[in-house]
Amino acid sequence: TIASMSLRQGDDRVALMGLRGGLDG
């Protein structure tokens, strides 16, 4: 019911590339 994909940004950050079924915001 919830799916996400995240990729690392450099050594110290993560970016959420896509989200389905998450809450607002």
PDB file of all heavy atoms in Angstrom:
ATOM      1  N   THR A   1       0.825  -1.211   0.000  1.00  0.00           N
ATOM      2  CA  THR A   1       0.000   0.000   0.000  1.00  0.00           C
ATOM      3  C   THR A   1       0.858   1.260   0.000  1.00  0.00           C
ATOM      4  O   THR A   1       0.373   2.335  -0.351  1.00  0.00           O
ATOM      5  CB  THR A   1      -0.921   0.008   1.227  1.00  0.00           C
ATOM      6  OG1 THR A   1      -0.135  -0.183   2.411  1.00  0.00           O
ATOM      7  CG2 THR A   1      -1.958  -1.112   1.113  1.00  0.00           C
ATOM      8  N   ILE A   2       2.106   1.137   0.413  1.00  0.00           N
ATOM      9  CA  ILE A   2       3.047   2.264   0.381  1.00  0.00           C
ATOM     10  C   ILE A   2       4.331   1.774  -0.277  1.00  0.00           C
ATOM     11  O   ILE A   2       4.837   0.698   0.045  1.00  0.00           O
ATOM     12  CB  ILE A   2       3.367   2.801   1.795  1.00  0.00           C
ATOM     13  CG1 ILE A   2       2.083   3.218   2.529  1.00  0.00           C
ATOM     14  CG2 ILE A   2       4.326   3.985   1.707  1.00  0.00           C
ATOM     15  CD1 ILE A   2       2.317   3.632   3.973  1.00  0.00           C
ATOM     16  N   ALA A   3       4.841   2.558  -1.221  1.00  0.00           N
ATOM     17  CA  ALA A   3       6.100   2.200  -1.893  1.00  0.00           C
ATOM     18  C   ALA A   3       6.918   3.466  -2.087  1.00  0.00           C
ATOM     19  O   ALA A   3       6.375   4.533  -2.403  1.00  0.00           O
ATOM     20  CB  ALA A   3       5.834   1.535  -3.239  1.00  0.00           C
ATOM     21  N   SER A   4       8.218   3.342  -1.904  1.00  0.00           N
ATOM     22  CA  SER A   4       9.106   4.494  -2.076  1.00  0.00           C
ATOM     23  C   SER A   4      10.420   4.049  -2.678  1.00  0.00           C
ATOM     24  O   SER A   4      10.791   2.876  -2.599  1.00  0.00           O
ATOM     25  CB  SER A   4       9.374   5.195  -0.732  1.00  0.00           C
ATOM     26  OG  SER A   4      10.130   4.352   0.129  1.00  0.00           O
ATOM     27  N   MET A   5      11.109   5.008  -3.287  1.00  0.00           N
ATOM     28  CA  MET A   5      12.458   4.767  -3.783  1.00  0.00           C
ATOM     29  C   MET A   5      13.299   5.984  -3.458  1.00  0.00           C
ATOM     30  O   MET A   5      12.904   7.130  -3.741  1.00  0.00           O
ATOM     31  CB  MET A   5      12.459   4.517  -5.287  1.00  0.00           C
ATOM     32  CG  MET A   5      13.851   4.349  -5.882  1.00  0.00           C
ATOM     33  SD  MET A   5      13.786   3.906  -7.633  1.00  0.00           S
ATOM     34  CE  MET A   5      15.446   4.380  -8.146  1.00  0.00           C
ATOM     35  N   SER A   6      14.431   5.753  -2.833  1.00  0.00           N
ATOM     36  CA  SER A   6      15.319   6.835  -2.408  1.00  0.00           C
ATOM     37  C   SER A   6      16.724   6.565  -2.911  1.00  0.00           C
ATOM     38  O   SER A   6      17.142   5.409  -3.010  1.00  0.00           O
ATOM     39  CB  SER A   6      15.338   6.965  -0.874  1.00  0.00           C
ATOM     40  OG  SER A   6      14.037   7.199  -0.363  1.00  0.00           O
ATOM     41  N   LEU A   7      17.448   7.643  -3.221  1.00  0.00           N
ATOM     42  CA  LEU A   7      18.826   7.530  -3.682  1.00  0.00           C
ATOM     43  C   LEU A   7      19.720   8.407  -2.820  1.00  0.00           C
ATOM     44  O   LEU A   7      19.319   9.485  -2.372  1.00  0.00           O
ATOM     45  CB  LEU A   7      18.945   7.956  -5.150  1.00  0.00           C
ATOM     46  CG  LEU A   7      18.219   7.080  -6.180  1.00  0.00           C
ATOM     47  CD1 LEU A   7      18.420   7.652  -7.573  1.00  0.00           C
ATOM     48  CD2 LEU A   7      18.712   5.646  -6.123  1.00  0.00           C
ATOM     49  N   ARG A   8      20.921   7.928  -2.648  1.00  0.00           N
ATOM     50  CA  ARG A   8      21.895   8.675  -1.859  1.00  0.00           C
ATOM     51  C   ARG A   8      22.385   9.892  -2.627  1.00  0.00           C
ATOM     52  O   ARG A   8      22.604   9.835  -3.839  1.00  0.00           O
ATOM     53  CB  ARG A   8      23.071   7.762  -1.517  1.00  0.00           C
ATOM     54  CG  ARG A   8      24.009   8.326  -0.464  1.00  0.00           C
ATOM     55  CD  ARG A   8      24.902   7.243   0.081  1.00  0.00           C
ATOM     56  NE  ARG A   8      25.661   7.694   1.226  1.00  0.00           N
ATOM     57  CZ  ARG A   8      26.318   6.904   2.050  1.00  0.00           C
ATOM     58  NH1 ARG A   8      26.303   5.599   1.820  1.00  0.00           N
ATOM     59  NH2 ARG A   8      26.997   7.376   3.076  1.00  0.00           N
ATOM     60  N   GLN A   9      22.553  11.003  -1.912  1.00  0.00           N
ATOM     61  CA  GLN A   9      23.107  12.222  -2.481  1.00  0.00           C
ATOM     62  C   GLN A   9      24.436  12.509  -1.790  1.00  0.00           C
ATOM     63  O   GLN A   9      24.453  12.975  -0.641  1.00  0.00           O
ATOM     64  CB  GLN A   9      22.161  13.406  -2.283  1.00  0.00           C
ATOM     65  CG  GLN A   9      20.905  13.347  -3.117  1.00  0.00           C
ATOM     66  CD  GLN A   9      20.038  14.577  -2.920  1.00  0.00           C
ATOM     67  OE1 GLN A   9      19.860  15.069  -1.808  1.00  0.00           O
ATOM     68  NE2 GLN A   9      19.504  15.105  -4.003  1.00  0.00           N
ATOM     69  N   GLY A  10      25.527  12.205  -2.482  1.00  0.00           N
ATOM     70  CA  GLY A  10      26.822  12.396  -1.851  1.00  0.00           C
ATOM     71  C   GLY A  10      26.994  11.441  -0.685  1.00  0.00           C
ATOM     72  O   GLY A  10      26.415  10.344  -0.642  1.00  0.00           O
ATOM     73  N   ASP A  11      27.780  11.866   0.308  1.00  0.00           N
ATOM     74  CA  ASP A  11      28.071  10.994   1.440  1.00  0.00           C
ATOM     75  C   ASP A  11      27.096  11.155   2.590  1.00  0.00           C
ATOM     76  O   ASP A  11      26.977  10.260   3.434  1.00  0.00           O
ATOM     77  CB  ASP A  11      29.489  11.258   1.959  1.00  0.00           C
ATOM     78  CG  ASP A  11      30.551  10.862   0.948  1.00  0.00           C
ATOM     79  OD1 ASP A  11      30.293   9.932   0.155  1.00  0.00           O
ATOM     80  OD2 ASP A  11      31.626  11.501   0.946  1.00  0.00           O
ATOM     81  N   ASP A  12      26.397  12.301   2.662  1.00  0.00           N
ATOM     82  CA  ASP A  12      25.665  12.588   3.894  1.00  0.00           C
ATOM     83  C   ASP A  12      24.190  12.911   3.725  1.00  0.00           C
ATOM     84  O   ASP A  12      23.532  13.325   4.668  1.00  0.00           O
ATOM     85  CB  ASP A  12      26.348  13.745   4.637  1.00  0.00           C
ATOM     86  CG  ASP A  12      26.465  14.994   3.770  1.00  0.00           C
ATOM     87  OD1 ASP A  12      26.012  14.963   2.615  1.00  0.00           O
ATOM     88  OD2 ASP A  12      27.022  15.993   4.267  1.00  0.00           O
ATOM     89  N   ARG A  13      23.627  12.713   2.531  1.00  0.00           N
ATOM     90  CA  ARG A  13      22.207  13.012   2.356  1.00  0.00           C
ATOM     91  C   ARG A  13      21.522  11.945   1.508  1.00  0.00           C
ATOM     92  O   ARG A  13      22.167  11.212   0.754  1.00  0.00           O
ATOM     93  CB  ARG A  13      21.986  14.394   1.734  1.00  0.00           C
ATOM     94  CG  ARG A  13      22.483  15.546   2.592  1.00  0.00           C
ATOM     95  CD  ARG A  13      21.918  16.878   2.138  1.00  0.00           C
ATOM     96  NE  ARG A  13      20.502  17.029   2.419  1.00  0.00           N
ATOM     97  CZ  ARG A  13      20.001  17.355   3.606  1.00  0.00           C
ATOM     98  NH1 ARG A  13      20.804  17.555   4.646  1.00  0.00           N
ATOM     99  NH2 ARG A  13      18.698  17.481   3.763  1.00  0.00           N
ATOM    100  N   VAL A  14      20.194  11.891   1.663  1.00  0.00           N
ATOM    101  CA  VAL A  14      19.357  10.960   0.915  1.00  0.00           C
ATOM    102  C   VAL A  14      18.213  11.750   0.298  1.00  0.00           C
ATOM    103  O   VAL A  14      17.653  12.647   0.939  1.00  0.00           O
ATOM    104  CB  VAL A  14      18.793   9.855   1.832  1.00  0.00           C
ATOM    105  CG1 VAL A  14      17.827   8.951   1.062  1.00  0.00           C
ATOM    106  CG2 VAL A  14      19.918   9.026   2.417  1.00  0.00           C
ATOM    107  N   ALA A  15      17.852  11.435  -0.936  1.00  0.00           N
ATOM    108  CA  ALA A  15      16.751  12.110  -1.623  1.00  0.00           C
ATOM    109  C   ALA A  15      15.640  11.097  -1.902  1.00  0.00           C
ATOM    110  O   ALA A  15      15.895  10.005  -2.405  1.00  0.00           O
ATOM    111  CB  ALA A  15      17.221  12.738  -2.923  1.00  0.00           C
ATOM    112  N   LEU A  16      14.400  11.483  -1.574  1.00  0.00           N
ATOM    113  CA  LEU A  16      13.241  10.665  -1.908  1.00  0.00           C
ATOM    114  C   LEU A  16      12.900  10.914  -3.368  1.00  0.00           C
ATOM    115  O   LEU A  16      12.464  12.004  -3.748  1.00  0.00           O
ATOM    116  CB  LEU A  16      12.060  11.035  -1.016  1.00  0.00           C
ATOM    117  CG  LEU A  16      10.748  10.303  -1.287  1.00  0.00           C
ATOM    118  CD1 LEU A  16      10.900   8.809  -1.005  1.00  0.00           C
ATOM    119  CD2 LEU A  16       9.620  10.898  -0.453  1.00  0.00           C
ATOM    120  N   MET A  17      13.078   9.902  -4.224  1.00  0.00           N
ATOM    121  CA  MET A  17      12.854  10.053  -5.659  1.00  0.00           C
ATOM    122  C   MET A  17      11.394   9.828  -6.042  1.00  0.00           C
ATOM    123  O   MET A  17      10.911  10.397  -7.026  1.00  0.00           O
ATOM    124  CB  MET A  17      13.734   9.069  -6.429  1.00  0.00           C
ATOM    125  CG  MET A  17      15.218   9.166  -6.102  1.00  0.00           C
ATOM    126  SD  MET A  17      15.892  10.795  -6.443  1.00  0.00           S
ATOM    127  CE  MET A  17      15.728  10.867  -8.227  1.00  0.00           C
ATOM    128  N   GLY A  18      10.686   8.997  -5.278  1.00  0.00           N
ATOM    129  CA  GLY A  18       9.303   8.716  -5.593  1.00  0.00           C
ATOM    130  C   GLY A  18       8.600   8.091  -4.406  1.00  0.00           C
ATOM    131  O   GLY A  18       9.203   7.347  -3.629  1.00  0.00           O
ATOM    132  N   LEU A  19       7.289   8.415  -4.252  1.00  0.00           N
ATOM    133  CA  LEU A  19       6.519   7.889  -3.129  1.00  0.00           C
ATOM    134  C   LEU A  19       5.083   7.655  -3.584  1.00  0.00           C
ATOM    135  O   LEU A  19       4.479   8.514  -4.239  1.00  0.00           O
ATOM    136  CB  LEU A  19       6.533   8.883  -1.964  1.00  0.00           C
ATOM    137  CG  LEU A  19       5.655   8.541  -0.759  1.00  0.00           C
ATOM    138  CD1 LEU A  19       6.159   7.280  -0.072  1.00  0.00           C
ATOM    139  CD2 LEU A  19       5.602   9.711   0.214  1.00  0.00           C
ATOM    140  N   ARG A  20       4.547   6.528  -3.209  1.00  0.00           N
ATOM    141  CA  ARG A  20       3.144   6.222  -3.482  1.00  0.00           C
ATOM    142  C   ARG A  20       2.495   5.741  -2.188  1.00  0.00           C
ATOM    143  O   ARG A  20       3.026   4.878  -1.499  1.00  0.00           O
ATOM    144  CB  ARG A  20       3.019   5.141  -4.552  1.00  0.00           C
ATOM    145  CG  ARG A  20       1.575   4.759  -4.847  1.00  0.00           C
ATOM    146  CD  ARG A  20       1.515   3.627  -5.833  1.00  0.00           C
ATOM    147  NE  ARG A  20       0.134   3.208  -6.081  1.00  0.00           N
ATOM    148  CZ  ARG A  20      -0.210   2.165  -6.828  1.00  0.00           C
ATOM    149  NH1 ARG A  20       0.738   1.446  -7.404  1.00  0.00           N
ATOM    150  NH2 ARG A  20      -1.470   1.849  -7.003  1.00  0.00           N
ATOM    151  N   GLY A  21       1.352   6.344  -1.859  1.00  0.00           N
ATOM    152  CA  GLY A  21       0.607   5.914  -0.687  1.00  0.00           C
ATOM    153  C   GLY A  21       1.024   6.588   0.602  1.00  0.00           C
ATOM    154  O   GLY A  21       0.554   6.212   1.671  1.00  0.00           O
ATOM    155  N   GLY A  22       1.905   7.597   0.539  1.00  0.00           N
ATOM    156  CA  GLY A  22       2.337   8.280   1.739  1.00  0.00           C
ATOM    157  C   GLY A  22       1.322   9.313   2.206  1.00  0.00           C
ATOM    158  O   GLY A  22       0.314   9.592   1.551  1.00  0.00           O
ATOM    159  N   LEU A  23       1.590   9.909   3.360  1.00  0.00           N
ATOM    160  CA  LEU A  23       0.728  10.948   3.903  1.00  0.00           C
ATOM    161  C   LEU A  23       1.035  12.284   3.251  1.00  0.00           C
ATOM    162  O   LEU A  23       2.115  12.492   2.695  1.00  0.00           O
ATOM    163  CB  LEU A  23       0.933  11.056   5.420  1.00  0.00           C
ATOM    164  CG  LEU A  23       0.617   9.786   6.240  1.00  0.00           C
ATOM    165  CD1 LEU A  23       0.947  10.020   7.703  1.00  0.00           C
ATOM    166  CD2 LEU A  23      -0.842   9.378   6.072  1.00  0.00           C
ATOM    167  N   ASP A  24       0.088  13.215   3.361  1.00  0.00           N
ATOM    168  CA  ASP A  24       0.302  14.557   2.839  1.00  0.00           C
ATOM    169  C   ASP A  24       1.518  15.191   3.517  1.00  0.00           C
ATOM    170  O   ASP A  24       1.662  15.133   4.746  1.00  0.00           O
ATOM    171  CB  ASP A  24      -0.929  15.429   3.094  1.00  0.00           C
ATOM    172  CG  ASP A  24      -2.112  15.011   2.233  1.00  0.00           C
ATOM    173  OD1 ASP A  24      -1.885  14.314   1.226  1.00  0.00           O
ATOM    174  OD2 ASP A  24      -3.261  15.369   2.590  1.00  0.00           O
ATOM    175  N   GLY A  25       2.374  15.782   2.709  1.00  0.00           N
ATOM    176  CA  GLY A  25       3.547  16.472   3.234  1.00  0.00           C
ATOM    177  C   GLY A  25       4.780  15.609   3.371  1.00  0.00           C
ATOM    178  O   GLY A  25       5.880  16.121   3.621  1.00  0.00           O
TER     179      GLY A  25
END
